[in-house]
Amino acid sequence: MATSIKALPPDERPRERLLRHGPTVLGDAEVVAILIGHGGPGQSALELARALLADGWGGLARRSVEELVQVRGLGPAKAAVLLAALEVGRRVRLATAGEAIGGPQDVLPWVSDMERLTQEEFRVLLLNTKHRVLAVETVFRGGLNSVEVFPREVFRRAVAHSAAAVIAVHNHPSGDPTPSPEDRALTVRLEQAGAVMGIPVLDHLIVGHGRHVSLRDHQVTELR
């Protein structure tokens, strides 16, 4: 029989622990348990939270609302709360991200939602002369395994925003961010177009499940 949170001593209840000691003392499951409030038949909120976190935060963040509502004990209302909390976290990361993009780690907060996509998307971060983000635009959407990208459309967006540089990002719905030959060839084409336009392509990131690859770090120049 599952032990409900109300049956726990007050000092062991997640909400009381948070109010008394602050949120940093809580374990991951305790944080999720507070969000969902209560469990389902025969399981406590903590047990349900542990099940939701079986694949870590990344696994939870990648679940769609359709997948969440199929979890035993988790209905639409609880699923909505979880997705809203994850979105709050994403927006906070954006608001507190460093002013200038200095490398791949600075790009990830802007595109973290791409881990959960079930089809390929191609986005660009448009940067000013100090490499601060002017805008993030989804330029192309594709299918499960590919997306067709035209450099002219990428740089049309860059010119429209008076961008001084761009960073390209696309996702692999399979979860494996290993660059394909087509990914490398696309990077070369984008860099060549950027050189003509005077708008350099600083990097091309591929986003997978909990992992990413920077084409800049994969020596794409060898293809030229």
N, C-alpha and C. Protein backbone atom coordinates (compact mmCIF):
# COMPACT_ATOMS: atom_id res chain seq x y z
N MET A 1 0.86 -1.19 0.00
CA MET A 1 0.00 0.00 0.00
C MET A 1 0.89 1.23 0.00
N ALA A 2 0.62 2.16 -0.89
CA ALA A 2 1.43 3.37 -0.98
C ALA A 2 1.19 4.26 0.23
N THR A 3 2.24 4.89 0.67
CA THR A 3 2.15 5.84 1.78
C THR A 3 1.90 7.23 1.21
N SER A 4 0.76 7.81 1.55
CA SER A 4 0.45 9.14 1.04
C SER A 4 1.35 10.17 1.69
N ILE A 5 1.51 11.30 1.02
CA ILE A 5 2.35 12.37 1.57
C ILE A 5 1.77 12.88 2.88
N LYS A 6 0.44 12.93 2.99
CA LYS A 6 -0.18 13.41 4.22
C LYS A 6 0.15 12.52 5.41
N ALA A 7 0.44 11.23 5.12
CA ALA A 7 0.76 10.30 6.20
C ALA A 7 2.18 10.44 6.70
N LEU A 8 3.01 11.17 5.96
CA LEU A 8 4.40 11.37 6.37
C LEU A 8 4.49 12.38 7.50
N PRO A 9 5.52 12.28 8.34
CA PRO A 9 5.75 13.32 9.35
C PRO A 9 5.91 14.68 8.66
N PRO A 10 5.45 15.75 9.28
CA PRO A 10 5.52 17.07 8.64
C PRO A 10 6.90 17.44 8.09
N ASP A 11 7.95 17.06 8.80
CA ASP A 11 9.30 17.41 8.35
C ASP A 11 9.74 16.65 7.11
N GLU A 12 8.96 15.62 6.72
CA GLU A 12 9.31 14.83 5.54
C GLU A 12 8.42 15.14 4.34
N ARG A 13 7.43 15.98 4.52
CA ARG A 13 6.53 16.32 3.42
C ARG A 13 7.20 17.36 2.52
N PRO A 14 7.21 17.12 1.20
CA PRO A 14 7.92 18.03 0.29
C PRO A 14 7.52 19.50 0.42
N ARG A 15 6.22 19.79 0.49
CA ARG A 15 5.79 21.18 0.54
C ARG A 15 6.26 21.85 1.83
N GLU A 16 6.12 21.15 2.94
CA GLU A 16 6.55 21.71 4.22
C GLU A 16 8.07 21.90 4.25
N ARG A 17 8.79 20.93 3.67
CA ARG A 17 10.25 21.07 3.62
C ARG A 17 10.66 22.27 2.78
N LEU A 18 9.97 22.49 1.67
CA LEU A 18 10.27 23.65 0.83
C LEU A 18 10.01 24.95 1.59
N LEU A 19 8.87 25.05 2.27
CA LEU A 19 8.52 26.28 2.97
C LEU A 19 9.46 26.56 4.14
N ARG A 20 9.95 25.48 4.74
CA ARG A 20 10.81 25.66 5.91
C ARG A 20 12.28 25.87 5.53
N HIS A 21 12.74 25.16 4.51
CA HIS A 21 14.17 25.17 4.20
C HIS A 21 14.52 25.74 2.83
N GLY A 22 13.52 25.99 2.00
CA GLY A 22 13.80 26.48 0.65
C GLY A 22 13.78 25.36 -0.38
N PRO A 23 13.61 25.70 -1.67
CA PRO A 23 13.45 24.66 -2.71
C PRO A 23 14.70 23.85 -2.98
N THR A 24 15.88 24.38 -2.67
CA THR A 24 17.11 23.66 -3.03
C THR A 24 17.32 22.39 -2.21
N VAL A 25 16.60 22.24 -1.10
CA VAL A 25 16.78 21.03 -0.28
C VAL A 25 16.00 19.85 -0.86
N LEU A 26 15.11 20.11 -1.79
CA LEU A 26 14.25 19.05 -2.30
C LEU A 26 14.95 18.21 -3.35
N GLY A 27 14.64 16.92 -3.36
CA GLY A 27 15.08 16.06 -4.43
C GLY A 27 14.20 16.26 -5.65
N ASP A 28 14.62 15.72 -6.78
CA ASP A 28 13.86 15.91 -8.01
C ASP A 28 12.43 15.41 -7.89
N ALA A 29 12.26 14.21 -7.32
CA ALA A 29 10.92 13.64 -7.20
C ALA A 29 10.04 14.50 -6.30
N GLU A 30 10.62 15.10 -5.27
CA GLU A 30 9.84 15.95 -4.37
C GLU A 30 9.33 17.19 -5.10
N VAL A 31 10.16 17.75 -5.98
CA VAL A 31 9.74 18.93 -6.75
C VAL A 31 8.55 18.57 -7.62
N VAL A 32 8.65 17.45 -8.33
CA VAL A 32 7.56 17.03 -9.22
C VAL A 32 6.32 16.68 -8.40
N ALA A 33 6.51 16.06 -7.23
CA ALA A 33 5.38 15.69 -6.38
C ALA A 33 4.57 16.92 -5.95
N ILE A 34 5.26 18.01 -5.67
CA ILE A 34 4.55 19.24 -5.30
C ILE A 34 3.72 19.74 -6.48
N LEU A 35 4.26 19.63 -7.68
CA LEU A 35 3.54 20.10 -8.86
C LEU A 35 2.28 19.27 -9.12
N ILE A 36 2.39 17.95 -9.01
CA ILE A 36 1.23 17.12 -9.36
C ILE A 36 0.25 16.97 -8.20
N GLY A 37 0.69 17.31 -6.98
CA GLY A 37 -0.24 17.36 -5.84
C GLY A 37 -0.55 16.03 -5.19
N HIS A 38 -1.00 15.08 -5.98
CA HIS A 38 -1.34 13.77 -5.42
C HIS A 38 -1.16 12.71 -6.49
N GLY A 39 -1.06 11.47 -6.05
CA GLY A 39 -0.83 10.37 -6.98
C GLY A 39 -2.14 9.80 -7.51
N GLY A 40 -2.05 8.57 -7.95
CA GLY A 40 -3.24 7.88 -8.46
C GLY A 40 -3.63 6.76 -7.53
N PRO A 41 -4.53 5.90 -7.95
CA PRO A 41 -4.95 4.78 -7.11
C PRO A 41 -3.77 3.88 -6.73
N GLY A 42 -3.57 3.74 -5.44
CA GLY A 42 -2.52 2.85 -4.98
C GLY A 42 -1.12 3.39 -5.07
N GLN A 43 -0.94 4.67 -5.39
CA GLN A 43 0.40 5.25 -5.46
C GLN A 43 0.38 6.67 -4.94
N SER A 44 1.45 7.03 -4.26
CA SER A 44 1.56 8.38 -3.73
C SER A 44 2.08 9.33 -4.81
N ALA A 45 2.01 10.61 -4.52
CA ALA A 45 2.55 11.62 -5.45
C ALA A 45 4.04 11.41 -5.65
N LEU A 46 4.74 11.01 -4.61
CA LEU A 46 6.18 10.78 -4.74
C LEU A 46 6.47 9.59 -5.64
N GLU A 47 5.68 8.53 -5.52
CA GLU A 47 5.88 7.36 -6.37
C GLU A 47 5.58 7.69 -7.83
N LEU A 48 4.53 8.47 -8.06
CA LEU A 48 4.21 8.89 -9.42
C LEU A 48 5.31 9.78 -9.97
N ALA A 49 5.84 10.67 -9.12
CA ALA A 49 6.92 11.56 -9.55
C ALA A 49 8.16 10.76 -9.92
N ARG A 50 8.49 9.75 -9.14
CA ARG A 50 9.67 8.93 -9.46
C ARG A 50 9.48 8.20 -10.79
N ALA A 51 8.25 7.75 -11.05
CA ALA A 51 7.97 7.08 -12.33
C ALA A 51 8.14 8.06 -13.49
N LEU A 52 7.68 9.28 -13.31
CA LEU A 52 7.80 10.28 -14.36
C LEU A 52 9.25 10.65 -14.65
N LEU A 53 10.08 10.54 -13.62
CA LEU A 53 11.50 10.91 -13.76
C LEU A 53 12.39 9.70 -14.02
N ALA A 54 11.80 8.60 -14.42
CA ALA A 54 12.60 7.39 -14.64
C ALA A 54 13.71 7.61 -15.66
N ASP A 55 13.46 8.47 -16.64
CA ASP A 55 14.47 8.78 -17.66
C ASP A 55 15.09 10.16 -17.44
N GLY A 56 14.98 10.66 -16.21
CA GLY A 56 15.59 11.95 -15.90
C GLY A 56 14.73 13.12 -16.37
N TRP A 57 15.24 14.33 -16.09
CA TRP A 57 14.51 15.54 -16.49
C TRP A 57 14.38 15.62 -18.01
N GLY A 58 15.42 15.20 -18.72
CA GLY A 58 15.36 15.25 -20.17
C GLY A 58 14.25 14.37 -20.72
N GLY A 59 14.10 13.18 -20.13
CA GLY A 59 13.03 12.28 -20.57
C GLY A 59 11.66 12.87 -20.31
N LEU A 60 11.49 13.51 -19.14
CA LEU A 60 10.21 14.14 -18.83
C LEU A 60 9.94 15.30 -19.78
N ALA A 61 10.96 16.11 -20.04
CA ALA A 61 10.78 17.29 -20.89
C ALA A 61 10.43 16.92 -22.33
N ARG A 62 10.84 15.74 -22.76
CA ARG A 62 10.56 15.32 -24.13
C ARG A 62 9.16 14.74 -24.32
N ARG A 63 8.45 14.50 -23.24
CA ARG A 63 7.12 13.88 -23.36
C ARG A 63 6.10 14.91 -23.84
N SER A 64 5.29 14.49 -24.77
CA SER A 64 4.20 15.34 -25.24
C SER A 64 3.02 15.22 -24.28
N VAL A 65 2.05 16.11 -24.43
CA VAL A 65 0.86 16.03 -23.57
C VAL A 65 0.13 14.71 -23.79
N GLU A 66 0.13 14.21 -25.03
CA GLU A 66 -0.52 12.93 -25.31
C GLU A 66 0.15 11.79 -24.56
N GLU A 67 1.47 11.83 -24.47
CA GLU A 67 2.20 10.79 -23.74
C GLU A 67 1.99 10.91 -22.23
N LEU A 68 1.95 12.14 -21.74
CA LEU A 68 1.79 12.34 -20.29
C LEU A 68 0.44 11.86 -19.79
N VAL A 69 -0.61 12.14 -20.53
CA VAL A 69 -1.94 11.77 -20.03
C VAL A 69 -2.16 10.25 -20.04
N GLN A 70 -1.27 9.52 -20.70
CA GLN A 70 -1.38 8.07 -20.70
C GLN A 70 -0.69 7.44 -19.49
N VAL A 71 0.06 8.25 -18.73
CA VAL A 71 0.72 7.73 -17.53
C VAL A 71 -0.33 7.49 -16.45
N ARG A 72 -0.28 6.32 -15.85
CA ARG A 72 -1.25 5.97 -14.81
C ARG A 72 -1.18 6.98 -13.66
N GLY A 73 -2.33 7.57 -13.34
CA GLY A 73 -2.39 8.53 -12.26
C GLY A 73 -2.18 9.97 -12.67
N LEU A 74 -1.95 10.18 -13.98
CA LEU A 74 -1.68 11.54 -14.45
C LEU A 74 -2.71 11.91 -15.52
N GLY A 75 -3.64 12.76 -15.17
CA GLY A 75 -4.66 13.19 -16.11
C GLY A 75 -4.28 14.49 -16.79
N PRO A 76 -5.19 15.05 -17.58
CA PRO A 76 -4.90 16.29 -18.32
C PRO A 76 -4.51 17.46 -17.44
N ALA A 77 -5.16 17.61 -16.28
CA ALA A 77 -4.86 18.75 -15.41
C ALA A 77 -3.42 18.69 -14.90
N LYS A 78 -3.00 17.52 -14.41
CA LYS A 78 -1.63 17.37 -13.91
C LYS A 78 -0.62 17.50 -15.05
N ALA A 79 -0.95 16.95 -16.21
CA ALA A 79 -0.06 17.06 -17.37
C ALA A 79 0.13 18.52 -17.74
N ALA A 80 -0.95 19.29 -17.70
CA ALA A 80 -0.86 20.72 -18.03
C ALA A 80 0.03 21.46 -17.05
N VAL A 81 -0.07 21.13 -15.77
CA VAL A 81 0.78 21.77 -14.76
C VAL A 81 2.25 21.45 -15.01
N LEU A 82 2.55 20.19 -15.32
CA LEU A 82 3.93 19.80 -15.58
C LEU A 82 4.49 20.52 -16.80
N LEU A 83 3.72 20.55 -17.88
CA LEU A 83 4.20 21.21 -19.10
C LEU A 83 4.36 22.70 -18.88
N ALA A 84 3.46 23.30 -18.10
CA ALA A 84 3.59 24.73 -17.80
C ALA A 84 4.85 24.99 -16.98
N ALA A 85 5.14 24.11 -16.01
CA ALA A 85 6.34 24.29 -15.19
C ALA A 85 7.61 24.16 -16.03
N LEU A 86 7.62 23.20 -16.96
CA LEU A 86 8.78 23.03 -17.84
C LEU A 86 8.94 24.26 -18.74
N GLU A 87 7.83 24.83 -19.18
CA GLU A 87 7.89 26.02 -20.02
C GLU A 87 8.39 27.23 -19.22
N VAL A 88 7.97 27.32 -17.96
CA VAL A 88 8.49 28.38 -17.09
C VAL A 88 10.01 28.28 -16.98
N GLY A 89 10.49 27.05 -16.77
CA GLY A 89 11.93 26.85 -16.68
C GLY A 89 12.64 27.27 -17.94
N ARG A 90 12.05 26.94 -19.10
CA ARG A 90 12.66 27.33 -20.37
C ARG A 90 12.71 28.85 -20.51
N ARG A 91 11.62 29.51 -20.15
CA ARG A 91 11.58 30.97 -20.31
C ARG A 91 12.51 31.67 -19.33
N VAL A 92 12.64 31.10 -18.13
CA VAL A 92 13.59 31.68 -17.16
C VAL A 92 15.01 31.56 -17.70
N ARG A 93 15.34 30.39 -18.29
CA ARG A 93 16.68 30.22 -18.86
C ARG A 93 16.93 31.25 -19.95
N LEU A 94 15.91 31.51 -20.76
CA LEU A 94 16.07 32.51 -21.82
C LEU A 94 16.30 33.89 -21.22
N ALA A 95 15.51 34.22 -20.20
CA ALA A 95 15.60 35.55 -19.60
C ALA A 95 16.92 35.77 -18.88
N THR A 96 17.51 34.68 -18.38
CA THR A 96 18.75 34.82 -17.63
C THR A 96 19.97 34.37 -18.43
N ALA A 97 19.76 34.03 -19.70
CA ALA A 97 20.90 33.61 -20.52
C ALA A 97 21.88 34.76 -20.68
N GLY A 98 23.13 34.41 -20.88
CA GLY A 98 24.16 35.42 -21.07
C GLY A 98 23.82 36.34 -22.23
N GLU A 99 24.24 37.56 -22.14
CA GLU A 99 23.88 38.54 -23.16
C GLU A 99 24.48 38.18 -24.51
N ALA A 100 25.68 37.67 -24.52
CA ALA A 100 26.34 37.37 -25.79
C ALA A 100 26.50 35.85 -25.94
N ILE A 101 26.38 35.38 -27.17
CA ILE A 101 26.59 33.97 -27.47
C ILE A 101 28.08 33.73 -27.66
N GLY A 102 28.66 32.92 -26.76
CA GLY A 102 30.08 32.65 -26.85
C GLY A 102 30.42 31.25 -27.30
N GLY A 103 29.43 30.36 -27.32
CA GLY A 103 29.68 28.99 -27.71
C GLY A 103 28.39 28.19 -27.67
N PRO A 104 28.47 26.91 -28.00
CA PRO A 104 27.26 26.07 -28.07
C PRO A 104 26.42 26.07 -26.80
N GLN A 105 27.05 26.09 -25.64
CA GLN A 105 26.30 26.05 -24.39
C GLN A 105 25.40 27.26 -24.23
N ASP A 106 25.80 28.38 -24.82
CA ASP A 106 24.97 29.59 -24.75
C ASP A 106 23.78 29.52 -25.70
N VAL A 107 23.88 28.66 -26.71
CA VAL A 107 22.79 28.53 -27.68
C VAL A 107 21.67 27.65 -27.13
N LEU A 108 22.02 26.61 -26.38
CA LEU A 108 21.07 25.59 -25.97
C LEU A 108 19.83 26.12 -25.25
N PRO A 109 19.96 27.10 -24.32
CA PRO A 109 18.73 27.59 -23.68
C PRO A 109 17.71 28.17 -24.65
N TRP A 110 18.18 28.63 -25.79
CA TRP A 110 17.27 29.22 -26.77
C TRP A 110 16.51 28.18 -27.59
N VAL A 111 17.01 26.96 -27.59
CA VAL A 111 16.42 25.92 -28.46
C VAL A 111 16.15 24.62 -27.71
N SER A 112 16.07 24.67 -26.39
CA SER A 112 15.93 23.44 -25.61
C SER A 112 14.67 22.66 -25.94
N ASP A 113 13.63 23.35 -26.39
CA ASP A 113 12.39 22.65 -26.72
C ASP A 113 12.53 21.73 -27.93
N MET A 114 13.60 21.91 -28.71
CA MET A 114 13.78 21.09 -29.90
C MET A 114 14.05 19.63 -29.56
N GLU A 115 14.48 19.36 -28.32
CA GLU A 115 14.69 17.96 -27.91
C GLU A 115 13.40 17.15 -27.99
N ARG A 116 12.26 17.82 -27.81
CA ARG A 116 10.98 17.10 -27.71
C ARG A 116 10.26 16.98 -29.05
N LEU A 117 10.78 17.60 -30.09
CA LEU A 117 10.08 17.62 -31.37
C LEU A 117 10.10 16.23 -32.02
N THR A 118 9.00 15.89 -32.67
CA THR A 118 8.91 14.60 -33.35
C THR A 118 9.15 14.71 -34.85
N GLN A 119 9.42 15.92 -35.33
CA GLN A 119 9.81 16.12 -36.72
C GLN A 119 10.99 17.09 -36.74
N GLU A 120 11.73 17.07 -37.83
CA GLU A 120 12.90 17.94 -37.91
C GLU A 120 12.48 19.39 -38.14
N GLU A 121 13.17 20.28 -37.45
CA GLU A 121 13.02 21.71 -37.68
C GLU A 121 14.39 22.34 -37.86
N PHE A 122 14.43 23.39 -38.63
CA PHE A 122 15.67 24.13 -38.84
C PHE A 122 15.42 25.56 -38.38
N ARG A 123 16.22 26.00 -37.42
CA ARG A 123 16.07 27.36 -36.87
C ARG A 123 17.38 28.12 -37.02
N VAL A 124 17.27 29.43 -36.93
CA VAL A 124 18.47 30.26 -36.92
C VAL A 124 18.38 31.25 -35.77
N LEU A 125 19.51 31.41 -35.08
CA LEU A 125 19.68 32.50 -34.13
C LEU A 125 20.31 33.65 -34.90
N LEU A 126 19.65 34.78 -34.89
CA LEU A 126 20.14 35.97 -35.60
C LEU A 126 20.80 36.89 -34.58
N LEU A 127 22.07 37.20 -34.82
CA LEU A 127 22.88 37.91 -33.83
C LEU A 127 23.29 39.29 -34.33
N ASN A 128 23.49 40.21 -33.36
CA ASN A 128 24.00 41.53 -33.73
C ASN A 128 25.52 41.51 -33.72
N THR A 129 26.11 42.67 -33.83
CA THR A 129 27.58 42.74 -33.93
C THR A 129 28.28 42.28 -32.66
N LYS A 130 27.57 42.31 -31.52
CA LYS A 130 28.15 41.86 -30.25
C LYS A 130 27.72 40.43 -29.93
N HIS A 131 27.14 39.76 -30.91
CA HIS A 131 26.69 38.37 -30.79
C HIS A 131 25.58 38.20 -29.75
N ARG A 132 24.80 39.25 -29.57
CA ARG A 132 23.58 39.14 -28.77
C ARG A 132 22.44 38.71 -29.71
N VAL A 133 21.50 37.98 -29.15
CA VAL A 133 20.42 37.42 -29.96
C VAL A 133 19.38 38.49 -30.29
N LEU A 134 19.18 38.69 -31.59
CA LEU A 134 18.12 39.59 -32.05
C LEU A 134 16.80 38.85 -32.18
N ALA A 135 16.85 37.62 -32.64
CA ALA A 135 15.64 36.83 -32.85
C ALA A 135 16.03 35.37 -33.08
N VAL A 136 15.09 34.48 -32.82
CA VAL A 136 15.22 33.06 -33.15
C VAL A 136 14.06 32.72 -34.08
N GLU A 137 14.36 32.25 -35.26
CA GLU A 137 13.30 31.99 -36.23
C GLU A 137 13.34 30.54 -36.72
N THR A 138 12.16 29.93 -36.78
CA THR A 138 12.02 28.62 -37.40
C THR A 138 11.86 28.85 -38.90
N VAL A 139 12.85 28.41 -39.67
CA VAL A 139 12.87 28.71 -41.10
C VAL A 139 12.24 27.58 -41.91
N PHE A 140 12.49 26.34 -41.49
CA PHE A 140 11.96 25.20 -42.22
C PHE A 140 11.49 24.12 -41.25
N ARG A 141 10.44 23.40 -41.65
CA ARG A 141 9.98 22.21 -40.94
C ARG A 141 9.98 21.04 -41.91
N GLY A 142 10.37 19.87 -41.41
CA GLY A 142 10.45 18.70 -42.27
C GLY A 142 9.68 17.54 -41.73
N GLY A 143 10.16 16.32 -42.04
CA GLY A 143 9.52 15.10 -41.59
C GLY A 143 10.28 14.47 -40.45
N LEU A 144 10.15 13.15 -40.35
CA LEU A 144 10.79 12.43 -39.27
C LEU A 144 12.30 12.37 -39.42
N ASN A 145 12.78 12.35 -40.67
CA ASN A 145 14.20 12.10 -40.88
C ASN A 145 14.94 13.20 -41.62
N SER A 146 14.25 14.17 -42.16
CA SER A 146 14.96 15.18 -42.95
C SER A 146 14.16 16.46 -43.04
N VAL A 147 14.87 17.52 -43.37
CA VAL A 147 14.25 18.80 -43.65
C VAL A 147 15.05 19.47 -44.75
N GLU A 148 14.36 20.01 -45.75
CA GLU A 148 15.06 20.65 -46.86
C GLU A 148 15.30 22.12 -46.51
N VAL A 149 16.55 22.53 -46.64
CA VAL A 149 16.95 23.88 -46.24
C VAL A 149 17.52 24.63 -47.43
N PHE A 150 17.03 25.85 -47.63
CA PHE A 150 17.52 26.70 -48.70
C PHE A 150 18.26 27.89 -48.09
N PRO A 151 19.57 28.01 -48.32
CA PRO A 151 20.33 29.11 -47.72
C PRO A 151 19.74 30.49 -47.99
N ARG A 152 19.14 30.68 -49.18
CA ARG A 152 18.61 32.01 -49.49
C ARG A 152 17.55 32.46 -48.50
N GLU A 153 16.74 31.49 -48.00
CA GLU A 153 15.70 31.85 -47.04
C GLU A 153 16.31 32.18 -45.68
N VAL A 154 17.37 31.45 -45.32
CA VAL A 154 18.07 31.74 -44.06
C VAL A 154 18.59 33.17 -44.07
N PHE A 155 19.23 33.55 -45.16
CA PHE A 155 19.85 34.87 -45.19
C PHE A 155 18.85 35.98 -45.51
N ARG A 156 17.72 35.62 -46.07
CA ARG A 156 16.64 36.61 -46.20
C ARG A 156 16.18 37.05 -44.82
N ARG A 157 16.06 36.09 -43.90
CA ARG A 157 15.67 36.42 -42.52
C ARG A 157 16.77 37.25 -41.84
N ALA A 158 18.02 36.87 -42.12
CA ALA A 158 19.13 37.60 -41.50
C ALA A 158 19.16 39.07 -41.94
N VAL A 159 18.96 39.28 -43.23
CA VAL A 159 18.94 40.65 -43.75
C VAL A 159 17.76 41.42 -43.18
N ALA A 160 16.60 40.78 -43.06
CA ALA A 160 15.41 41.44 -42.54
C ALA A 160 15.62 41.94 -41.11
N HIS A 161 16.44 41.22 -40.35
CA HIS A 161 16.71 41.61 -38.95
C HIS A 161 18.02 42.39 -38.81
N SER A 162 18.65 42.71 -39.92
CA SER A 162 19.96 43.40 -39.89
C SER A 162 20.96 42.63 -39.03
N ALA A 163 20.94 41.31 -39.16
CA ALA A 163 21.84 40.47 -38.36
C ALA A 163 23.26 40.56 -38.88
N ALA A 164 24.21 40.53 -37.95
CA ALA A 164 25.63 40.56 -38.31
C ALA A 164 26.21 39.16 -38.41
N ALA A 165 25.52 38.17 -37.83
CA ALA A 165 25.99 36.78 -37.87
C ALA A 165 24.81 35.88 -37.55
N VAL A 166 24.93 34.61 -37.91
CA VAL A 166 23.86 33.65 -37.62
C VAL A 166 24.44 32.37 -37.06
N ILE A 167 23.61 31.66 -36.31
CA ILE A 167 23.92 30.30 -35.85
C ILE A 167 22.76 29.42 -36.28
N ALA A 168 23.06 28.34 -36.99
CA ALA A 168 22.03 27.42 -37.47
C ALA A 168 21.85 26.30 -36.45
N VAL A 169 20.61 25.85 -36.29
CA VAL A 169 20.29 24.76 -35.37
C VAL A 169 19.22 23.88 -36.00
N HIS A 170 19.42 22.57 -35.97
CA HIS A 170 18.32 21.68 -36.30
C HIS A 170 18.37 20.47 -35.38
N ASN A 171 17.27 19.75 -35.33
CA ASN A 171 17.16 18.61 -34.42
C ASN A 171 17.11 17.29 -35.17
N HIS A 172 17.48 16.23 -34.46
CA HIS A 172 17.32 14.87 -34.95
C HIS A 172 16.28 14.18 -34.07
N PRO A 173 15.06 13.98 -34.55
CA PRO A 173 14.03 13.35 -33.72
C PRO A 173 14.42 11.96 -33.21
N SER A 174 15.36 11.30 -33.87
CA SER A 174 15.81 9.98 -33.40
C SER A 174 16.50 10.08 -32.05
N GLY A 175 16.95 11.27 -31.70
CA GLY A 175 17.68 11.47 -30.45
C GLY A 175 19.18 11.43 -30.59
N ASP A 176 19.68 10.92 -31.71
CA ASP A 176 21.12 10.82 -31.95
C ASP A 176 21.57 12.05 -32.76
N PRO A 177 22.38 12.93 -32.16
CA PRO A 177 22.78 14.15 -32.86
C PRO A 177 23.99 14.00 -33.78
N THR A 178 24.42 12.76 -34.02
CA THR A 178 25.59 12.56 -34.89
C THR A 178 25.35 13.18 -36.26
N PRO A 179 26.26 14.03 -36.74
CA PRO A 179 26.06 14.68 -38.04
C PRO A 179 26.09 13.68 -39.19
N SER A 180 25.18 13.84 -40.12
CA SER A 180 25.18 13.04 -41.33
C SER A 180 26.01 13.75 -42.39
N PRO A 181 26.39 13.07 -43.47
CA PRO A 181 27.09 13.77 -44.56
C PRO A 181 26.28 14.95 -45.10
N GLU A 182 24.95 14.79 -45.12
CA GLU A 182 24.09 15.88 -45.58
C GLU A 182 24.16 17.08 -44.64
N ASP A 183 24.25 16.81 -43.33
CA ASP A 183 24.37 17.91 -42.36
C ASP A 183 25.67 18.68 -42.58
N ARG A 184 26.73 17.96 -42.83
CA ARG A 184 28.03 18.60 -43.05
C ARG A 184 28.01 19.40 -44.35
N ALA A 185 27.43 18.81 -45.39
CA ALA A 185 27.37 19.52 -46.67
C ALA A 185 26.53 20.78 -46.55
N LEU A 186 25.42 20.71 -45.81
CA LEU A 186 24.58 21.88 -45.60
C LEU A 186 25.35 22.98 -44.89
N THR A 187 26.15 22.60 -43.91
CA THR A 187 26.93 23.59 -43.18
C THR A 187 27.88 24.33 -44.11
N VAL A 188 28.52 23.59 -45.00
CA VAL A 188 29.43 24.21 -45.96
C VAL A 188 28.68 25.18 -46.87
N ARG A 189 27.50 24.75 -47.35
CA ARG A 189 26.71 25.63 -48.23
C ARG A 189 26.29 26.90 -47.50
N LEU A 190 25.90 26.77 -46.24
CA LEU A 190 25.51 27.94 -45.46
C LEU A 190 26.70 28.88 -45.24
N GLU A 191 27.86 28.29 -44.93
CA GLU A 191 29.05 29.11 -44.72
C GLU A 191 29.45 29.84 -46.00
N GLN A 192 29.34 29.15 -47.12
CA GLN A 192 29.69 29.78 -48.39
C GLN A 192 28.73 30.93 -48.71
N ALA A 193 27.42 30.70 -48.49
CA ALA A 193 26.45 31.75 -48.72
C ALA A 193 26.68 32.92 -47.77
N GLY A 194 27.01 32.62 -46.52
CA GLY A 194 27.27 33.67 -45.55
C GLY A 194 28.48 34.51 -45.92
N ALA A 195 29.49 33.86 -46.49
CA ALA A 195 30.69 34.60 -46.91
C ALA A 195 30.34 35.58 -48.03
N VAL A 196 29.48 35.15 -48.95
CA VAL A 196 29.05 36.02 -50.04
C VAL A 196 28.24 37.20 -49.50
N MET A 197 27.36 36.92 -48.52
CA MET A 197 26.48 37.95 -47.97
C MET A 197 27.18 38.84 -46.95
N GLY A 198 28.35 38.42 -46.49
CA GLY A 198 29.02 39.17 -45.43
C GLY A 198 28.37 38.96 -44.07
N ILE A 199 27.67 37.82 -43.91
CA ILE A 199 27.01 37.46 -42.64
C ILE A 199 27.51 36.07 -42.25
N PRO A 200 28.54 35.98 -41.43
CA PRO A 200 29.15 34.68 -41.15
C PRO A 200 28.23 33.73 -40.38
N VAL A 201 28.37 32.45 -40.68
CA VAL A 201 27.70 31.39 -39.92
C VAL A 201 28.67 30.94 -38.84
N LEU A 202 28.37 31.27 -37.60
CA LEU A 202 29.30 30.99 -36.51
C LEU A 202 29.30 29.52 -36.12
N ASP A 203 28.18 28.84 -36.29
CA ASP A 203 28.12 27.42 -35.91
C ASP A 203 26.84 26.83 -36.47
N HIS A 204 26.79 25.52 -36.47
CA HIS A 204 25.59 24.76 -36.82
C HIS A 204 25.46 23.67 -35.78
N LEU A 205 24.43 23.74 -34.96
CA LEU A 205 24.22 22.77 -33.89
C LEU A 205 23.15 21.77 -34.28
N ILE A 206 23.38 20.52 -33.88
CA ILE A 206 22.37 19.47 -34.02
C ILE A 206 21.95 19.07 -32.61
N VAL A 207 20.64 19.10 -32.37
CA VAL A 207 20.09 18.81 -31.06
C VAL A 207 19.48 17.42 -31.06
N GLY A 208 19.90 16.59 -30.08
CA GLY A 208 19.31 15.27 -29.89
C GLY A 208 18.64 15.19 -28.54
N HIS A 209 18.47 13.99 -28.03
CA HIS A 209 17.85 13.81 -26.72
C HIS A 209 18.91 13.92 -25.63
N GLY A 210 18.96 15.08 -24.99
CA GLY A 210 19.93 15.29 -23.93
C GLY A 210 21.35 15.47 -24.41
N ARG A 211 21.54 15.55 -25.74
CA ARG A 211 22.88 15.73 -26.29
C ARG A 211 22.82 16.70 -27.46
N HIS A 212 23.95 17.24 -27.80
CA HIS A 212 24.03 18.10 -28.97
C HIS A 212 25.41 17.98 -29.59
N VAL A 213 25.50 18.35 -30.84
CA VAL A 213 26.77 18.34 -31.55
C VAL A 213 26.95 19.70 -32.21
N SER A 214 28.14 20.25 -32.08
CA SER A 214 28.50 21.49 -32.76
C SER A 214 29.29 21.12 -34.01
N LEU A 215 28.78 21.49 -35.17
CA LEU A 215 29.50 21.22 -36.42
C LEU A 215 30.80 21.99 -36.48
N ARG A 216 30.86 23.12 -35.81
CA ARG A 216 32.11 23.88 -35.75
C ARG A 216 33.22 23.04 -35.10
N ASP A 217 32.83 22.24 -34.11
CA ASP A 217 33.80 21.39 -33.42
C ASP A 217 34.10 20.10 -34.18
N HIS A 218 33.38 19.85 -35.28
CA HIS A 218 33.59 18.64 -36.06
C HIS A 218 34.40 18.89 -37.34
N GLN A 219 35.09 20.03 -37.37
CA GLN A 219 36.00 20.30 -38.48
C GLN A 219 35.33 20.21 -39.84
N VAL A 220 34.23 20.92 -39.99
CA VAL A 220 33.51 20.88 -41.24
C VAL A 220 34.36 21.45 -42.38
N THR A 221 35.34 22.26 -42.06
CA THR A 221 36.16 22.89 -43.08
C THR A 221 36.86 21.85 -43.96
N GLU A 222 36.98 20.63 -43.48
CA GLU A 222 37.65 19.59 -44.28
C GLU A 222 36.87 19.28 -45.56
N LEU A 223 35.57 19.65 -45.59
CA LEU A 223 34.75 19.35 -46.76
C LEU A 223 34.91 20.38 -47.88
N ARG A 224 35.56 21.47 -47.61
CA ARG A 224 35.65 22.53 -48.61
C ARG A 224 36.64 22.17 -49.72
